[in-house]
Protein backbone atom coordinates (compact mmCIF):
# COMPACT_ATOMS: atom_id res chain seq x y z
CA MET A 1 2.55 -26.06 8.95
CA LYS A 2 5.63 -24.59 10.58
CA LEU A 3 7.87 -22.16 8.72
CA PRO A 4 11.24 -23.93 8.18
CA GLN A 5 14.36 -22.32 9.61
CA SER A 6 15.84 -22.02 6.12
CA ARG A 7 12.80 -20.06 4.92
CA ILE A 8 12.98 -17.75 7.94
CA GLY A 9 16.55 -16.97 6.92
CA ALA A 10 15.53 -16.42 3.29
CA ILE A 11 12.72 -14.07 4.29
CA ALA A 12 15.03 -12.15 6.64
CA LEU A 13 17.60 -11.82 3.86
CA PHE A 14 14.92 -10.69 1.41
CA LEU A 15 13.57 -8.05 3.79
CA SER A 16 17.08 -6.81 4.59
CA ALA A 17 17.89 -6.46 0.88
CA THR A 18 14.65 -4.69 0.00
CA VAL A 19 14.82 -2.32 2.96
CA ALA A 20 18.44 -1.52 2.05
CA LEU A 21 17.28 -0.69 -1.48
CA GLU A 22 14.52 1.49 -0.04
CA ALA A 23 17.01 3.32 2.18
CA CYS A 24 19.30 3.92 -0.80
CA TRP A 25 16.41 5.28 -2.82
CA MET A 26 15.27 7.60 -0.03
CA THR A 27 18.81 8.87 0.42
CA THR A 28 19.22 9.45 -3.31
CA GLY A 29 15.81 11.10 -3.52
CA GLY A 30 16.98 13.80 -1.15
CA VAL A 31 19.40 14.99 -3.84
CA TYR A 32 16.51 15.60 -6.21
CA PRO A 33 13.74 17.52 -4.43
CA ALA A 34 11.77 17.58 -7.72
CA LYS A 35 11.29 21.34 -7.88
CA THR A 36 12.32 21.60 -11.52
CA LEU A 37 11.62 19.48 -14.59
CA PHE A 38 15.20 18.18 -14.59
CA GLN A 39 15.03 17.22 -10.90
CA THR A 40 11.64 15.57 -11.40
CA THR A 41 12.92 13.58 -14.37
CA CYS A 42 15.97 12.44 -12.40
CA MET A 43 13.79 11.45 -9.46
CA LEU A 44 11.49 9.39 -11.68
CA LEU A 45 14.36 7.67 -13.48
CA ILE A 46 16.10 6.80 -10.20
CA GLY A 47 12.81 5.53 -8.79
CA ALA A 48 12.19 3.37 -11.85
CA VAL A 49 15.64 1.80 -11.43
CA PHE A 50 14.86 0.88 -7.82
CA VAL A 51 11.45 -0.54 -8.78
CA GLY A 52 13.21 -2.70 -11.39
CA ALA A 53 15.76 -3.80 -8.81
CA ASN A 54 12.97 -4.86 -6.45
CA ILE A 55 11.20 -6.82 -9.19
CA TRP A 56 14.45 -8.64 -9.98
CA LEU A 57 15.00 -9.36 -6.28
CA ASN A 58 11.50 -10.76 -5.85
CA ARG A 59 11.84 -13.00 -8.87
CA ALA A 60 15.28 -14.20 -7.79
CA PHE A 61 13.98 -15.27 -4.37
CA LEU A 62 10.92 -16.92 -5.93
CA GLN A 63 13.18 -18.97 -8.19
CA MET A 64 15.35 -19.92 -5.22
CA ASP A 65 12.22 -21.50 -3.75
CA ARG A 66 11.38 -23.17 -7.07
CA LEU A 67 8.42 -20.93 -7.68
CA PRO A 68 7.70 -19.33 -11.06
CA LYS A 69 8.53 -15.68 -11.64
CA SER A 70 4.96 -15.31 -12.86
CA ALA A 71 3.73 -15.78 -9.26
CA LEU A 72 3.78 -11.98 -8.95
CA GLY A 73 1.41 -11.54 -11.88
CA LEU A 74 3.33 -8.53 -13.17
CA GLY A 75 3.39 -9.38 -16.86
CA VAL A 76 2.25 -6.83 -19.43
CA ARG A 77 -0.88 -8.87 -20.10
CA LYS A 78 -1.83 -8.49 -16.45
CA LEU A 79 -1.58 -4.67 -16.58
CA PRO A 80 -5.39 -4.17 -16.84
CA TRP A 81 -5.58 -5.36 -13.23
CA PHE A 82 -3.87 -2.09 -12.25
CA PHE A 83 -6.94 -0.19 -13.43
CA ALA A 84 -9.20 -2.66 -11.65
CA GLY A 85 -7.24 -1.84 -8.50
CA CYS A 86 -7.79 1.87 -9.12
CA ALA A 87 -11.55 1.24 -9.35
CA ILE A 88 -11.49 -0.72 -6.07
CA ALA A 89 -9.69 2.18 -4.36
CA VAL A 90 -12.28 4.69 -5.61
CA LEU A 91 -15.08 2.56 -4.17
CA VAL A 92 -13.28 2.10 -0.84
CA ILE A 93 -12.30 5.74 -0.32
CA PHE A 94 -15.69 7.18 -1.28
CA ALA A 95 -17.37 4.59 0.95
CA MET A 96 -15.17 5.86 3.78
CA ALA A 97 -16.14 9.44 2.99
CA GLY A 98 -19.84 8.54 2.89
CA THR A 99 -19.65 6.61 6.16
CA LEU A 100 -17.79 9.46 7.85
CA ARG A 101 -20.32 12.01 6.62
CA LEU A 102 -23.13 10.04 8.25
CA MET A 103 -21.39 10.58 11.61
CA VAL A 104 -19.83 14.00 11.08
CA PRO A 105 -21.30 16.28 8.40
CA PHE A 106 -18.65 17.99 6.27
CA HIS A 107 -18.09 19.52 2.88
CA TRP A 108 -15.07 19.92 0.66
CA VAL A 109 -13.37 23.23 -0.07
CA PRO A 110 -10.45 23.96 -2.43
CA GLY A 111 -7.04 22.95 -1.11
CA ALA A 112 -3.53 24.24 -1.75
CA LEU A 113 -2.60 21.72 -4.46
CA ARG A 114 -3.19 22.71 -8.07
CA LEU A 115 -4.55 20.42 -10.77
CA HIS A 116 -1.37 20.54 -12.86
CA GLU A 117 0.59 19.20 -9.86
CA LEU A 118 -1.39 15.94 -9.68
CA PRO A 119 0.58 14.04 -12.37
CA GLY A 120 3.83 14.62 -10.45
CA GLN A 121 2.22 13.45 -7.22
CA PHE A 122 0.81 10.40 -8.99
CA SER A 123 4.28 9.52 -10.35
CA ARG A 124 5.79 9.65 -6.86
CA TYR A 125 3.08 7.44 -5.39
CA LEU A 126 3.29 5.02 -8.32
CA LEU A 127 7.02 4.47 -7.77
CA GLY A 128 6.97 4.48 -3.97
CA ASN A 129 3.88 2.32 -3.57
CA SER A 130 5.11 -0.15 -6.20
CA VAL A 131 8.24 -0.69 -4.12
CA GLU A 132 6.17 -1.17 -0.96
CA GLU A 133 3.96 -3.74 -2.68
CA LEU A 134 7.02 -5.62 -3.92
CA ILE A 135 8.44 -5.66 -0.39
CA PHE A 136 5.34 -6.65 1.56
CA ARG A 137 2.96 -8.32 -0.90
CA GLY A 138 5.42 -9.97 -3.29
CA TYR A 139 7.77 -12.79 -2.33
CA LEU A 140 7.10 -12.20 1.38
CA LEU A 141 3.35 -12.78 1.17
CA VAL A 142 3.70 -15.67 -1.30
CA MET A 143 6.11 -17.52 0.99
CA LEU A 144 4.24 -16.81 4.21
CA ARG A 145 1.00 -18.00 2.63
CA ARG A 146 2.71 -21.11 1.28
CA TRP A 147 3.96 -22.23 4.68
CA LEU A 148 1.63 -20.62 7.23
CA GLY A 149 -1.66 -20.18 5.38
CA LEU A 150 -3.39 -16.98 4.32
CA PRO A 151 -4.68 -15.65 7.69
CA ARG A 152 -1.27 -15.71 9.37
CA ALA A 153 0.41 -14.45 6.21
CA LEU A 154 -1.94 -11.47 6.18
CA ALA A 155 -1.31 -10.77 9.87
CA ILE A 156 2.48 -10.95 9.66
CA SER A 157 2.83 -8.94 6.46
CA GLY A 158 0.31 -6.41 7.79
CA VAL A 159 2.18 -5.85 11.04
CA LEU A 160 5.50 -5.53 9.20
CA PHE A 161 3.91 -3.02 6.81
CA GLY A 162 2.59 -1.05 9.77
CA LEU A 163 5.97 -0.99 11.50
CA PHE A 164 7.56 0.14 8.24
CA HIS A 165 5.55 3.39 8.53
CA LEU A 166 6.51 3.93 12.17
CA PRO A 167 9.83 5.88 11.99
CA GLY A 168 9.46 9.46 13.21
CA MET A 169 6.24 8.79 15.13
CA SER A 170 5.46 8.10 18.78
CA GLY A 171 2.62 7.68 21.24
CA ILE A 172 -1.00 7.42 20.07
CA ALA A 173 -0.10 8.71 16.61
CA ALA A 174 2.33 5.82 16.16
CA LEU A 175 -0.25 3.27 17.33
CA LYS A 176 -2.84 4.68 14.92
CA MET A 177 -0.34 4.59 12.07
CA VAL A 178 0.54 0.94 12.67
CA CYS A 179 -3.11 -0.10 13.00
CA THR A 180 -4.40 1.83 9.98
CA THR A 181 -1.59 0.79 7.65
CA ALA A 182 -1.77 -2.83 8.83
CA GLY A 183 -5.52 -2.79 8.23
CA MET A 184 -5.21 -1.38 4.72
CA SER A 185 -2.43 -3.90 4.07
CA VAL A 186 -5.07 -6.63 4.24
CA VAL A 187 -7.03 -4.95 1.44
CA PHE A 188 -3.88 -4.63 -0.69
CA ALA A 189 -2.95 -8.24 -0.03
CA MET A 190 -6.42 -9.62 -0.71
CA SER A 191 -6.61 -7.73 -4.01
CA PHE A 192 -3.38 -9.50 -5.01
CA VAL A 193 -4.57 -12.90 -3.80
CA ARG A 194 -7.98 -12.49 -5.43
CA THR A 195 -6.70 -11.51 -8.88
CA LYS A 196 -3.31 -13.28 -8.79
CA SER A 197 -1.69 -10.05 -9.95
CA LEU A 198 0.37 -7.57 -7.94
CA TRP A 199 -0.78 -4.94 -10.44
CA THR A 200 -4.13 -4.91 -8.63
CA ALA A 201 -2.56 -4.24 -5.24
CA ILE A 202 -0.40 -1.48 -6.75
CA GLY A 203 -3.48 0.10 -8.32
CA VAL A 204 -5.40 0.04 -5.04
CA HIS A 205 -2.42 1.38 -3.09
CA VAL A 206 -1.56 4.24 -5.44
CA SER A 207 -5.14 5.37 -6.02
CA ALA A 208 -6.08 5.15 -2.33
CA ASN A 209 -3.11 7.30 -1.35
CA MET A 210 -3.83 9.80 -4.11
CA LEU A 211 -7.47 10.15 -3.10
CA LEU A 212 -6.83 10.27 0.64
CA HIS A 213 -3.84 12.59 0.64
CA ARG A 214 -3.76 14.58 -2.61
CA VAL A 215 -7.30 14.80 -3.97
CA LEU A 216 -9.84 14.69 -1.14
CA GLY A 217 -7.53 15.70 1.72
CA MET A 218 -9.16 13.21 4.08
CA SER A 219 -5.88 12.61 5.93
CA GLY A 220 -5.65 16.29 6.92
CA GLU A 221 -3.09 17.14 4.26
CA GLN A 222 -3.12 20.80 3.25
CA GLN A 223 -1.31 20.01 0.00
CA SER A 224 -4.36 18.44 -1.62
CA LEU A 225 -6.77 19.40 -4.37
CA PHE A 226 -9.58 19.65 -1.84
CA ARG A 227 -9.72 19.59 1.93
CA MET A 228 -12.45 18.63 4.35
CA GLN A 229 -14.33 21.37 6.19
CA ILE A 230 -16.22 19.98 9.20
CA ASP A 231 -19.72 21.40 9.68
CA GLY A 232 -19.67 21.79 13.45
CA ARG A 233 -17.35 20.11 15.94
CA TRP A 234 -15.32 16.93 15.73
CA PRO A 235 -16.51 14.48 18.44
CA THR A 236 -14.23 14.15 21.48
CA GLY A 237 -15.50 10.88 22.96
CA TYR A 238 -14.68 8.72 19.94
CA ASP A 239 -12.90 8.90 16.60
CA PRO A 240 -15.42 8.74 13.73
CA GLY A 241 -12.56 8.73 11.22
CA LEU A 242 -11.21 5.45 12.57
CA ILE A 243 -14.71 3.94 12.75
CA ALA A 244 -15.38 4.80 9.10
CA TYR A 245 -11.92 3.63 8.07
CA PHE A 246 -11.96 0.22 9.72
CA SER A 247 -15.61 -0.56 8.97
CA VAL A 248 -15.08 0.01 5.24
CA ILE A 249 -11.78 -1.85 4.94
CA ALA A 250 -13.29 -4.78 6.86
CA VAL A 251 -16.14 -5.01 4.33
CA ALA A 252 -13.68 -4.58 1.43
CA ALA A 253 -11.36 -7.30 2.75
CA LEU A 254 -14.26 -9.72 3.28
CA TRP A 255 -15.58 -9.03 -0.22
CA LEU A 256 -12.16 -9.54 -1.80
CA GLY A 257 -11.65 -12.70 0.25
CA LYS A 258 -14.97 -14.32 -0.70
CA ASN A 259 -14.38 -17.94 -1.82
CA VAL A 260 -10.59 -17.48 -1.66
CA GLU A 261 -8.58 -20.51 -0.50
CA ILE A 262 -7.25 -19.79 2.99
CA GLU A 263 -5.48 -22.94 4.06
CA VAL A 264 -1.73 -23.65 3.87
CA LEU A 265 -0.69 -24.29 0.29
CA GLY A 266 2.06 -26.68 1.24
CA GLY A 267 5.83 -26.77 0.90
């Protein structure tokens, strides 16, 4: 089924509004670098306001298309799905680590981040990743799936999510960023589709980022609880990190998509 011109306009308006909200939040966040308790509290409160604004925006656009607000699955009763998403992320990230270790032996050593700093980092990821899920896996994914079917909806939302992470990057690094974020977008999206709750996608997103960047240091971040120490040399002819990454997310996406309806849902 073809996406109607009116829905293209609605999606463009939705994306423009949500990206504008994101830009406002990022600009405001610069005023509060979160170095003190007061600054951290202000940052969290401002972030919560923008998350609420994105929820309202998603629900408003859903209602415009005569879809129930409950399509996002964000009710309080659905909150346990957040913790299910956290469990999925733990499985995925440790599977990546195990797969990588089969190709390149490594061990973990203490990083620069301290344990008491983790709650603050978690709060930032919770707010930021919630907004990203509302932008790319909320109304956008629901509407694309409704008119184009799940495979094309996953592809379009994934590419847009990848491009969203592109600013400030160029060359091979930019290409890797788009591909890796687009790939993980499929896992986020399928966790939402599978459970009918955006809480699940938020849980996967937040926990995956925390583990990759702030706990295990698998992304190369120095500001993490642990960091990877390679036992030997990193291969030059291929990238074992990308192989481990894409092989695991492919299995995760297929598992989450098992027996899920993939055809166009209809207008």
